[in-house]
Amino acid sequence: MEKVLGTSKVGPKYRITLVKPVQTKLKVKIGDLVVFVEDEKGNIFLKVSKFT
């Protein structure tokens, strides 16, 4: 079952803002790399890569 955590509007230069529930769930910090991953069905997921 899918759960919507929020929405973001595409802004100038195609930028989006991660809404607070997504930031919290992914534990995103400033400087992290957000990775967009596509599966074999064409679904796109966000993952976070932490730099140390």
PDB file of N, CA and C in Angstrom:
ATOM      1  N   MET A   1       0.838  -1.185   0.000  1.00  0.00           N
ATOM      2  CA  MET A   1       0.000   0.000   0.000  1.00  0.00           C
ATOM      3  C   MET A   1       0.885   1.252   0.000  1.00  0.00           C
ATOM      4  N   GLU A   2       0.530   2.222  -0.789  1.00  0.00           N
ATOM      5  CA  GLU A   2       1.287   3.474  -0.869  1.00  0.00           C
ATOM      6  C   GLU A   2       0.802   4.466   0.179  1.00  0.00           C
ATOM      7  N   LYS A   3       1.716   5.265   0.669  1.00  0.00           N
ATOM      8  CA  LYS A   3       1.395   6.320   1.633  1.00  0.00           C
ATOM      9  C   LYS A   3       2.032   7.612   1.148  1.00  0.00           C
ATOM     10  N   VAL A   4       1.239   8.635   0.923  1.00  0.00           N
ATOM     11  CA  VAL A   4       1.746   9.929   0.469  1.00  0.00           C
ATOM     12  C   VAL A   4       2.292  10.679   1.677  1.00  0.00           C
ATOM     13  N   LEU A   5       3.554  11.095   1.584  1.00  0.00           N
ATOM     14  CA  LEU A   5       4.186  11.836   2.675  1.00  0.00           C
ATOM     15  C   LEU A   5       4.120  13.344   2.465  1.00  0.00           C
ATOM     16  N   GLY A   6       3.777  13.769   1.264  1.00  0.00           N
ATOM     17  CA  GLY A   6       3.694  15.192   0.949  1.00  0.00           C
ATOM     18  C   GLY A   6       3.878  15.400  -0.531  1.00  0.00           C
ATOM     19  N   THR A   7       3.829  16.641  -0.940  1.00  0.00           N
ATOM     20  CA  THR A   7       4.016  16.980  -2.346  1.00  0.00           C
ATOM     21  C   THR A   7       4.995  18.145  -2.462  1.00  0.00           C
ATOM     22  N   SER A   8       5.623  18.255  -3.623  1.00  0.00           N
ATOM     23  CA  SER A   8       6.506  19.385  -3.926  1.00  0.00           C
ATOM     24  C   SER A   8       6.223  19.840  -5.343  1.00  0.00           C
ATOM     25  N   LYS A   9       6.210  21.142  -5.537  1.00  0.00           N
ATOM     26  CA  LYS A   9       6.024  21.699  -6.872  1.00  0.00           C
ATOM     27  C   LYS A   9       7.389  21.901  -7.512  1.00  0.00           C
ATOM     28  N   VAL A  10       7.495  21.596  -8.786  1.00  0.00           N
ATOM     29  CA  VAL A  10       8.745  21.801  -9.516  1.00  0.00           C
ATOM     30  C   VAL A  10       8.917  23.297  -9.739  1.00  0.00           C
ATOM     31  N   GLY A  11      10.046  23.822  -9.302  1.00  0.00           N
ATOM     32  CA  GLY A  11      10.296  25.248  -9.389  1.00  0.00           C
ATOM     33  C   GLY A  11      11.251  25.591 -10.522  1.00  0.00           C
ATOM     34  N   PRO A  12      11.758  26.820 -10.492  1.00  0.00           N
ATOM     35  CA  PRO A  12      12.723  27.243 -11.505  1.00  0.00           C
ATOM     36  C   PRO A  12      13.910  26.285 -11.557  1.00  0.00           C
ATOM     37  N   LYS A  13      14.403  26.071 -12.733  1.00  0.00           N
ATOM     38  CA  LYS A  13      15.529  25.159 -12.959  1.00  0.00           C
ATOM     39  C   LYS A  13      15.185  23.733 -12.549  1.00  0.00           C
ATOM     40  N   TYR A  14      13.890  23.388 -12.500  1.00  0.00           N
ATOM     41  CA  TYR A  14      13.408  22.039 -12.185  1.00  0.00           C
ATOM     42  C   TYR A  14      13.812  21.562 -10.797  1.00  0.00           C
ATOM     43  N   ARG A  15      13.931  22.464  -9.873  1.00  0.00           N
ATOM     44  CA  ARG A  15      14.290  22.104  -8.506  1.00  0.00           C
ATOM     45  C   ARG A  15      13.041  21.785  -7.698  1.00  0.00           C
ATOM     46  N   ILE A  16      13.193  20.872  -6.730  1.00  0.00           N
ATOM     47  CA  ILE A  16      12.107  20.548  -5.814  1.00  0.00           C
ATOM     48  C   ILE A  16      12.614  20.673  -4.384  1.00  0.00           C
ATOM     49  N   THR A  17      11.692  20.786  -3.457  1.00  0.00           N
ATOM     50  CA  THR A  17      12.018  20.823  -2.044  1.00  0.00           C
ATOM     51  C   THR A  17      11.531  19.532  -1.416  1.00  0.00           C
ATOM     52  N   LEU A  18      12.373  18.892  -0.619  1.00  0.00           N
ATOM     53  CA  LEU A  18      11.941  17.700   0.106  1.00  0.00           C
ATOM     54  C   LEU A  18      11.111  18.148   1.307  1.00  0.00           C
ATOM     55  N   VAL A  19       9.880  17.675   1.381  1.00  0.00           N
ATOM     56  CA  VAL A  19       9.007  18.055   2.484  1.00  0.00           C
ATOM     57  C   VAL A  19       9.518  17.429   3.778  1.00  0.00           C
ATOM     58  N   LYS A  20       9.194  18.031   4.896  1.00  0.00           N
ATOM     59  CA  LYS A  20       9.724  17.625   6.199  1.00  0.00           C
ATOM     60  C   LYS A  20       9.538  16.139   6.497  1.00  0.00           C
ATOM     61  N   PRO A  21       8.356  15.536   6.234  1.00  0.00           N
ATOM     62  CA  PRO A  21       8.229  14.100   6.516  1.00  0.00           C
ATOM     63  C   PRO A  21       9.226  13.242   5.722  1.00  0.00           C
ATOM     64  N   VAL A  22       9.536  13.649   4.498  1.00  0.00           N
ATOM     65  CA  VAL A  22      10.510  12.911   3.679  1.00  0.00           C
ATOM     66  C   VAL A  22      11.915  13.129   4.229  1.00  0.00           C
ATOM     67  N   GLN A  23      12.234  14.362   4.594  1.00  0.00           N
ATOM     68  CA  GLN A  23      13.544  14.653   5.188  1.00  0.00           C
ATOM     69  C   GLN A  23      13.766  13.807   6.438  1.00  0.00           C
ATOM     70  N   THR A  24      12.742  13.726   7.264  1.00  0.00           N
ATOM     71  CA  THR A  24      12.834  12.968   8.512  1.00  0.00           C
ATOM     72  C   THR A  24      12.962  11.474   8.243  1.00  0.00           C
ATOM     73  N   LYS A  25      12.119  10.946   7.369  1.00  0.00           N
ATOM     74  CA  LYS A  25      12.110   9.508   7.070  1.00  0.00           C
ATOM     75  C   LYS A  25      13.440   9.049   6.462  1.00  0.00           C
ATOM     76  N   LEU A  26      14.003   9.873   5.553  1.00  0.00           N
ATOM     77  CA  LEU A  26      15.261   9.515   4.896  1.00  0.00           C
ATOM     78  C   LEU A  26      16.488   9.960   5.691  1.00  0.00           C
ATOM     79  N   LYS A  27      16.264  10.700   6.779  1.00  0.00           N
ATOM     80  CA  LYS A  27      17.360  11.236   7.603  1.00  0.00           C
ATOM     81  C   LYS A  27      18.334  12.050   6.756  1.00  0.00           C
ATOM     82  N   VAL A  28      17.777  12.905   5.901  1.00  0.00           N
ATOM     83  CA  VAL A  28      18.574  13.736   4.996  1.00  0.00           C
ATOM     84  C   VAL A  28      19.185  14.902   5.764  1.00  0.00           C
ATOM     85  N   LYS A  29      20.449  15.124   5.507  1.00  0.00           N
ATOM     86  CA  LYS A  29      21.168  16.269   6.079  1.00  0.00           C
ATOM     87  C   LYS A  29      21.736  17.103   4.935  1.00  0.00           C
ATOM     88  N   ILE A  30      22.032  18.357   5.211  1.00  0.00           N
ATOM     89  CA  ILE A  30      22.626  19.228   4.207  1.00  0.00           C
ATOM     90  C   ILE A  30      23.941  18.613   3.745  1.00  0.00           C
ATOM     91  N   GLY A  31      24.122  18.543   2.434  1.00  0.00           N
ATOM     92  CA  GLY A  31      25.334  17.968   1.854  1.00  0.00           C
ATOM     93  C   GLY A  31      25.170  16.522   1.415  1.00  0.00           C
ATOM     94  N   ASP A  32      24.068  15.857   1.832  1.00  0.00           N
ATOM     95  CA  ASP A  32      23.823  14.481   1.393  1.00  0.00           C
ATOM     96  C   ASP A  32      23.482  14.467  -0.094  1.00  0.00           C
ATOM     97  N   LEU A  33      23.752  13.349  -0.718  1.00  0.00           N
ATOM     98  CA  LEU A  33      23.434  13.159  -2.118  1.00  0.00           C
ATOM     99  C   LEU A  33      22.135  12.355  -2.219  1.00  0.00           C
ATOM    100  N   VAL A  34      21.132  12.904  -2.921  1.00  0.00           N
ATOM    101  CA  VAL A  34      19.875  12.192  -3.147  1.00  0.00           C
ATOM    102  C   VAL A  34      19.993  11.480  -4.488  1.00  0.00           C
ATOM    103  N   VAL A  35      19.738  10.177  -4.472  1.00  0.00           N
ATOM    104  CA  VAL A  35      19.890   9.345  -5.657  1.00  0.00           C
ATOM    105  C   VAL A  35      18.509   8.917  -6.136  1.00  0.00           C
ATOM    106  N   PHE A  36      18.254   9.065  -7.429  1.00  0.00           N
ATOM    107  CA  PHE A  36      16.998   8.636  -8.032  1.00  0.00           C
ATOM    108  C   PHE A  36      17.255   7.298  -8.713  1.00  0.00           C
ATOM    109  N   VAL A  37      16.516   6.267  -8.289  1.00  0.00           N
ATOM    110  CA  VAL A  37      16.718   4.912  -8.776  1.00  0.00           C
ATOM    111  C   VAL A  37      15.450   4.437  -9.484  1.00  0.00           C
ATOM    112  N   GLU A  38      15.603   3.868 -10.693  1.00  0.00           N
ATOM    113  CA  GLU A  38      14.469   3.328 -11.433  1.00  0.00           C
ATOM    114  C   GLU A  38      14.529   1.806 -11.407  1.00  0.00           C
ATOM    115  N   ASP A  39      13.403   1.162 -11.048  1.00  0.00           N
ATOM    116  CA  ASP A  39      13.375  -0.300 -11.065  1.00  0.00           C
ATOM    117  C   ASP A  39      12.919  -0.807 -12.423  1.00  0.00           C
ATOM    118  N   GLU A  40      12.845  -2.134 -12.548  1.00  0.00           N
ATOM    119  CA  GLU A  40      12.507  -2.751 -13.834  1.00  0.00           C
ATOM    120  C   GLU A  40      11.085  -2.443 -14.288  1.00  0.00           C
ATOM    121  N   LYS A  41      10.219  -2.001 -13.375  1.00  0.00           N
ATOM    122  CA  LYS A  41       8.832  -1.664 -13.729  1.00  0.00           C
ATOM    123  C   LYS A  41       8.670  -0.188 -14.100  1.00  0.00           C
ATOM    124  N   GLY A  42       9.742   0.570 -13.982  1.00  0.00           N
ATOM    125  CA  GLY A  42       9.686   1.997 -14.302  1.00  0.00           C
ATOM    126  C   GLY A  42       9.371   2.886 -13.109  1.00  0.00           C
ATOM    127  N   ASN A  43       9.243   2.288 -11.916  1.00  0.00           N
ATOM    128  CA  ASN A  43       9.023   3.079 -10.702  1.00  0.00           C
ATOM    129  C   ASN A  43      10.316   3.769 -10.311  1.00  0.00           C
ATOM    130  N   ILE A  44      10.201   4.981  -9.816  1.00  0.00           N
ATOM    131  CA  ILE A  44      11.383   5.749  -9.408  1.00  0.00           C
ATOM    132  C   ILE A  44      11.354   5.943  -7.901  1.00  0.00           C
ATOM    133  N   PHE A  45      12.495   5.684  -7.268  1.00  0.00           N
ATOM    134  CA  PHE A  45      12.638   5.776  -5.824  1.00  0.00           C
ATOM    135  C   PHE A  45      13.746   6.758  -5.482  1.00  0.00           C
ATOM    136  N   LEU A  46      13.663   7.336  -4.278  1.00  0.00           N
ATOM    137  CA  LEU A  46      14.719   8.201  -3.765  1.00  0.00           C
ATOM    138  C   LEU A  46      15.518   7.423  -2.737  1.00  0.00           C
ATOM    139  N   LYS A  47      16.817   7.560  -2.811  1.00  0.00           N
ATOM    140  CA  LYS A  47      17.709   7.014  -1.783  1.00  0.00           C
ATOM    141  C   LYS A  47      18.686   8.119  -1.404  1.00  0.00           C
ATOM    142  N   VAL A  48      19.235   8.008  -0.221  1.00  0.00           N
ATOM    143  CA  VAL A  48      20.176   9.018   0.258  1.00  0.00           C
ATOM    144  C   VAL A  48      21.530   8.368   0.432  1.00  0.00           C
ATOM    145  N   SER A  49      22.554   9.024  -0.116  1.00  0.00           N
ATOM    146  CA  SER A  49      23.933   8.588   0.039  1.00  0.00           C
ATOM    147  C   SER A  49      24.604   9.525   1.004  1.00  0.00           C
ATOM    148  N   LYS A  50      25.110   8.991   2.095  1.00  0.00           N
ATOM    149  CA  LYS A  50      25.763   9.805   3.132  1.00  0.00           C
ATOM    150  C   LYS A  50      27.250   9.927   2.827  1.00  0.00           C
ATOM    151  N   PHE A  51      27.741  11.153   2.889  1.00  0.00           N
ATOM    152  CA  PHE A  51      29.178  11.395   2.767  1.00  0.00           C
ATOM    153  C   PHE A  51      29.762  11.516   4.147  1.00  0.00           C
ATOM    154  N   THR A  52      30.923  10.943   4.362  1.00  0.00           N
ATOM    155  CA  THR A  52      31.557  11.039   5.683  1.00  0.00           C
ATOM    156  C   THR A  52      32.860  11.770   5.593  1.00  0.00           C
TER     157      THR A  52
END
